[in-house]
C-alpha atoms as a PDB file:
ATOM      1  CA  MET A   1      63.677 156.757 138.256  1.00  0.00           C
ATOM      2  CA  SER A   2      65.291 154.845 141.060  1.00  0.00           C
ATOM      3  CA  TRP A   3      64.970 151.686 142.609  1.00  0.00           C
ATOM      4  CA  SER A   4      63.292 150.538 145.424  1.00  0.00           C
ATOM      5  CA  PRO A   5      65.743 149.124 147.604  1.00  0.00           C
ATOM      6  CA  PHE A   6      64.066 145.223 147.220  1.00  0.00           C
ATOM      7  CA  TRP A   7      64.697 145.679 143.512  1.00  0.00           C
ATOM      8  CA  ARG A   8      67.937 147.693 144.096  1.00  0.00           C
ATOM      9  CA  LYS A   9      69.398 144.814 145.484  1.00  0.00           C
ATOM     10  CA  LEU A  10      67.983 141.861 144.135  1.00  0.00           C
ATOM     11  CA  LEU A  11      69.925 143.719 140.474  1.00  0.00           C
ATOM     12  CA  LEU A  12      72.864 143.458 142.326  1.00  0.00           C
ATOM     13  CA  THR A  13      72.146 140.495 143.622  1.00  0.00           C
ATOM     14  CA  LEU A  14      71.545 138.529 139.852  1.00  0.00           C
ATOM     15  CA  HIS A  15      73.677 140.999 137.897  1.00  0.00           C
ATOM     16  CA  VAL A  16      77.107 139.756 140.343  1.00  0.00           C
ATOM     17  CA  VAL A  17      75.421 136.022 140.051  1.00  0.00           C
ATOM     18  CA  THR A  18      75.650 136.695 136.290  1.00  0.00           C
ATOM     19  CA  SER A  19      79.082 138.008 135.928  1.00  0.00           C
ATOM     20  CA  VAL A  20      80.859 135.682 138.194  1.00  0.00           C
ATOM     21  CA  GLY A  21      78.930 133.010 136.558  1.00  0.00           C
ATOM     22  CA  LEU A  22      80.363 133.804 133.692  1.00  0.00           C
ATOM     23  CA  ILE A  23      83.702 135.102 134.921  1.00  0.00           C
ATOM     24  CA  GLY A  24      83.634 131.300 136.334  1.00  0.00           C
ATOM     25  CA  ALA A  25      82.195 128.913 133.483  1.00  0.00           C
ATOM     26  CA  VAL A  26      84.814 131.152 131.068  1.00  0.00           C
ATOM     27  CA  ALA A  27      87.591 129.823 133.169  1.00  0.00           C
ATOM     28  CA  THR A  28      86.370 126.576 132.862  1.00  0.00           C
ATOM     29  CA  PHE A  29      86.498 127.183 128.644  1.00  0.00           C
ATOM     30  CA  LEU A  30      90.264 128.716 129.245  1.00  0.00           C
ATOM     31  CA  LEU A  31      90.826 125.504 131.320  1.00  0.00           C
ATOM     32  CA  LEU A  32      89.643 122.438 128.219  1.00  0.00           C
ATOM     33  CA  ALA A  33      90.878 124.729 125.452  1.00  0.00           C
ATOM     34  CA  THR A  34      94.320 124.618 126.933  1.00  0.00           C
ATOM     35  CA  ILE A  35      93.781 121.034 127.994  1.00  0.00           C
ATOM     36  CA  GLY A  36      92.727 120.752 124.034  1.00  0.00           C
ATOM     37  CA  ALA A  37      95.448 122.274 122.662  1.00  0.00           C
ATOM     38  CA  SER A  38      98.171 120.150 124.786  1.00  0.00           C
ATOM     39  CA  SER A  39      97.690 116.988 125.292  1.00  0.00           C
ATOM     40  CA  SER A  40      98.988 114.393 124.507  1.00  0.00           C
ATOM     41  CA  ASP A  41      96.179 112.507 125.408  1.00  0.00           C
ATOM     42  CA  PRO A  42      93.581 111.617 122.239  1.00  0.00           C
ATOM     43  CA  ALA A  43      90.768 110.544 124.825  1.00  0.00           C
ATOM     44  CA  LEU A  44      91.489 113.810 127.059  1.00  0.00           C
ATOM     45  CA  VAL A  45      91.917 116.263 124.052  1.00  0.00           C
ATOM     46  CA  ASN A  46      88.856 115.068 122.167  1.00  0.00           C
ATOM     47  CA  SER A  47      86.782 114.866 125.645  1.00  0.00           C
ATOM     48  CA  ALA A  48      87.623 118.468 126.372  1.00  0.00           C
ATOM     49  CA  TYR A  49      86.297 119.820 123.126  1.00  0.00           C
ATOM     50  CA  LEU A  50      83.211 117.642 123.727  1.00  0.00           C
ATOM     51  CA  ALA A  51      82.750 119.704 126.955  1.00  0.00           C
ATOM     52  CA  MET A  52      83.531 123.166 125.620  1.00  0.00           C
ATOM     53  CA  ASN A  53      81.050 122.729 122.948  1.00  0.00           C
ATOM     54  CA  LEU A  54      78.025 121.498 125.712  1.00  0.00           C
ATOM     55  CA  ILE A  55      79.424 124.699 127.938  1.00  0.00           C
ATOM     56  CA  THR A  56      79.137 127.218 125.622  1.00  0.00           C
ATOM     57  CA  TRP A  57      75.531 127.475 124.842  1.00  0.00           C
ATOM     58  CA  PRO A  58      73.640 126.167 127.952  1.00  0.00           C
ATOM     59  CA  ILE A  59      75.608 127.968 129.727  1.00  0.00           C
ATOM     60  CA  ILE A  60      78.423 131.018 128.932  1.00  0.00           C
ATOM     61  CA  VAL A  61      75.942 132.849 126.500  1.00  0.00           C
ATOM     62  CA  PRO A  62      72.548 132.777 128.888  1.00  0.00           C
ATOM     63  CA  LEU A  63      75.519 134.181 131.478  1.00  0.00           C
ATOM     64  CA  ALA A  64      76.817 136.836 129.393  1.00  0.00           C
ATOM     65  CA  PHE A  65      73.139 137.764 128.320  1.00  0.00           C
ATOM     66  CA  ALA A  66      71.709 137.876 131.448  1.00  0.00           C
ATOM     67  CA  SER A  67      74.912 139.756 132.782  1.00  0.00           C
ATOM     68  CA  LEU A  68      74.336 142.632 129.583  1.00  0.00           C
ATOM     69  CA  LEU A  69      70.535 142.490 130.406  1.00  0.00           C
ATOM     70  CA  ILE A  70      70.341 143.111 133.857  1.00  0.00           C
ATOM     71  CA  GLY A  71      73.300 145.391 134.316  1.00  0.00           C
ATOM     72  CA  ILE A  72      71.065 147.839 132.200  1.00  0.00           C
ATOM     73  CA  VAL A  73      68.410 147.435 133.919  1.00  0.00           C
ATOM     74  CA  GLN A  74      69.624 148.485 137.162  1.00  0.00           C
ATOM     75  CA  SER A  75      71.854 150.681 136.234  1.00  0.00           C
ATOM     76  CA  LEU A  76      68.307 153.212 135.030  1.00  0.00           C
ATOM     77  CA  GLY A  77      67.185 152.352 138.714  1.00  0.00           C
ATOM     78  CA  THR A  78      70.427 153.813 139.787  1.00  0.00           C
ATOM     79  CA  PRO A  79      72.468 157.050 140.817  1.00  0.00           C
ATOM     80  CA  TRP A  80      75.173 156.031 137.849  1.00  0.00           C
ATOM     81  CA  GLY A  81      72.466 155.723 134.821  1.00  0.00           C
ATOM     82  CA  LEU A  82      73.570 153.957 131.551  1.00  0.00           C
ATOM     83  CA  PHE A  83      74.707 157.129 130.206  1.00  0.00           C
ATOM     84  CA  ARG A  84      75.687 159.224 133.021  1.00  0.00           C
ATOM     85  CA  TYR A  85      79.761 157.964 133.930  1.00  0.00           C
ATOM     86  CA  TYR A  86      82.351 157.195 131.722  1.00  0.00           C
ATOM     87  CA  TRP A  87      82.800 153.688 133.159  1.00  0.00           C
ATOM     88  CA  VAL A  88      79.163 152.577 132.787  1.00  0.00           C
ATOM     89  CA  ILE A  89      79.395 153.654 129.036  1.00  0.00           C
ATOM     90  CA  LEU A  90      82.656 151.547 129.123  1.00  0.00           C
ATOM     91  CA  LYS A  91      81.336 148.755 131.014  1.00  0.00           C
ATOM     92  CA  LEU A  92      78.448 148.051 128.654  1.00  0.00           C
ATOM     93  CA  VAL A  93      80.090 148.630 124.966  1.00  0.00           C
ATOM     94  CA  LEU A  94      83.503 145.428 126.346  1.00  0.00           C
ATOM     95  CA  THR A  95      80.177 143.374 127.607  1.00  0.00           C
ATOM     96  CA  ALA A  96      79.390 143.919 124.142  1.00  0.00           C
ATOM     97  CA  VAL A  97      82.109 142.919 122.372  1.00  0.00           C
ATOM     98  CA  ALA A  98      82.418 140.030 124.713  1.00  0.00           C
ATOM     99  CA  ILE A  99      79.225 138.573 123.908  1.00  0.00           C
ATOM    100  CA  VAL A 100      79.725 139.866 119.725  1.00  0.00           C
ATOM    101  CA  VAL A 101      82.919 137.465 119.553  1.00  0.00           C
ATOM    102  CA  LEU A 102      81.285 135.435 121.531  1.00  0.00           C
ATOM    103  CA  LEU A 103      78.241 134.770 118.915  1.00  0.00           C
ATOM    104  CA  ILE A 104      81.376 134.683 116.245  1.00  0.00           C
ATOM    105  CA  GLN A 105      84.041 131.899 117.762  1.00  0.00           C
ATOM    106  CA  THR A 106      80.154 129.626 118.111  1.00  0.00           C
ATOM    107  CA  PRO A 107      81.160 128.270 114.575  1.00  0.00           C
ATOM    108  CA  THR A 108      84.916 127.246 115.841  1.00  0.00           C
ATOM    109  CA  ILE A 109      83.823 126.143 118.575  1.00  0.00           C
ATOM    110  CA  ALA A 110      81.463 123.248 117.560  1.00  0.00           C
ATOM    111  CA  ALA A 111      83.837 122.753 114.381  1.00  0.00           C
ATOM    112  CA  LEU A 112      86.472 121.689 117.525  1.00  0.00           C
ATOM    113  CA  SER A 113      83.775 119.889 118.856  1.00  0.00           C
ATOM    114  CA  HIS A 114      82.341 117.849 115.013  1.00  0.00           C
ATOM    115  CA  ALA A 115      86.079 117.015 114.614  1.00  0.00           C
ATOM    116  CA  ALA A 116      86.773 115.914 118.010  1.00  0.00           C
ATOM    117  CA  ASN A 117      83.676 113.407 117.712  1.00  0.00           C
ATOM    118  CA  GLY A 118      85.262 112.688 114.353  1.00  0.00           C
ATOM    119  CA  GLY A 119      89.030 112.256 115.655  1.00  0.00           C
ATOM    120  CA  GLU A 120      90.264 114.869 113.023  1.00  0.00           C
ATOM    121  CA  LEU A 121      91.062 117.928 115.438  1.00  0.00           C
ATOM    122  CA  THR A 122      94.951 118.261 113.329  1.00  0.00           C
ATOM    123  CA  GLN A 123      93.182 119.878 110.894  1.00  0.00           C
ATOM    124  CA  LEU A 124      91.661 122.621 112.947  1.00  0.00           C
ATOM    125  CA  ALA A 125      94.858 123.656 115.366  1.00  0.00           C
ATOM    126  CA  GLY A 126      94.207 127.296 114.208  1.00  0.00           C
ATOM    127  CA  GLY A 127      90.369 127.077 115.484  1.00  0.00           C
ATOM    128  CA  ARG A 128      92.168 125.364 119.297  1.00  0.00           C
ATOM    129  CA  PHE A 129      94.749 128.220 119.621  1.00  0.00           C
ATOM    130  CA  ALA A 130      91.889 131.048 118.830  1.00  0.00           C
ATOM    131  CA  MET A 131      90.032 129.576 121.613  1.00  0.00           C
ATOM    132  CA  ILE A 132      92.701 129.580 123.194  1.00  0.00           C
ATOM    133  CA  LEU A 133      93.385 133.185 122.456  1.00  0.00           C
ATOM    134  CA  HIS A 134      89.668 134.402 122.984  1.00  0.00           C
ATOM    135  CA  SER A 135      88.181 133.692 126.012  1.00  0.00           C
ATOM    136  CA  ALA A 136      91.999 134.708 127.828  1.00  0.00           C
ATOM    137  CA  GLY A 137      90.696 137.833 126.845  1.00  0.00           C
ATOM    138  CA  GLY A 138      87.385 137.596 127.511  1.00  0.00           C
ATOM    139  CA  ILE A 139      88.241 137.291 131.181  1.00  0.00           C
ATOM    140  CA  VAL A 140      91.104 140.008 130.745  1.00  0.00           C
ATOM    141  CA  VAL A 141      87.717 142.460 129.739  1.00  0.00           C
ATOM    142  CA  LEU A 142      85.312 140.392 132.056  1.00  0.00           C
ATOM    143  CA  MET A 143      88.111 141.341 134.611  1.00  0.00           C
ATOM    144  CA  LEU A 144      88.063 145.004 134.140  1.00  0.00           C
ATOM    145  CA  ALA A 145      84.945 145.708 133.243  1.00  0.00           C
ATOM    146  CA  THR A 146      84.218 144.348 137.525  1.00  0.00           C
ATOM    147  CA  VAL A 147      87.488 146.724 138.235  1.00  0.00           C
ATOM    148  CA  LEU A 148      85.160 149.692 136.776  1.00  0.00           C
ATOM    149  CA  SER A 149      82.123 148.272 139.036  1.00  0.00           C
ATOM    150  CA  VAL A 150      84.077 148.446 141.976  1.00  0.00           C
ATOM    151  CA  TYR A 151      85.595 151.429 141.918  1.00  0.00           C
ATOM    152  CA  LYS A 152      83.870 153.555 139.914  1.00  0.00           C
ATOM    153  CA  PRO A 153      86.246 156.106 138.434  1.00  0.00           C
ATOM    154  CA  ARG A 154      85.504 159.537 137.995  1.00  0.00           C
ATOM    155  CA  GLY A 155      83.863 161.848 134.276  1.00  0.00           C
ATOM    156  CA  MET A 156      81.123 162.274 134.273  1.00  0.00           C
ATOM    157  CA  THR A 157      79.257 162.530 130.812  1.00  0.00           C
ATOM    158  CA  ALA A 158      76.146 165.243 129.739  1.00  0.00           C
ATOM    159  CA  SER A 159      73.578 163.099 129.264  1.00  0.00           C
ATOM    160  CA  ARG A 160      70.896 162.615 132.179  1.00  0.00           C
ATOM    161  CA  ILE A 161      70.040 158.655 131.591  1.00  0.00           C
END
């Protein structure tokens, strides 16, 4: 199966836009998490945690799933395939793991936002640090996936898909 030039370019464009948007959204989340954990201004801290919750479900989660889905669809019509090259499989696994970690962290994000709304953040110090750690890790994973896309290391699997 091979995509026509129109569809190949459209899918590539959508994949790049969703992936770059995801990196930007996670970088914004990391900035907010860092401000929330390090600022001495209570209003700024509360605002940071409220904003983190506001960008998670409507922006970060949809971009993560869109990037994964579009990447899968795109791969099916390219010479690289979905399971033909190790680098494509690694990108798929990295993205899937990042989404799972993101979904596992959403209750903590909601709890921090709820605590910020009620001024009870002192009880959630571990969650505050976890947001920095996980969002920084997410940036690293997304950058690694980007590097794999650009350099396309050699190494084929036995699959034809």
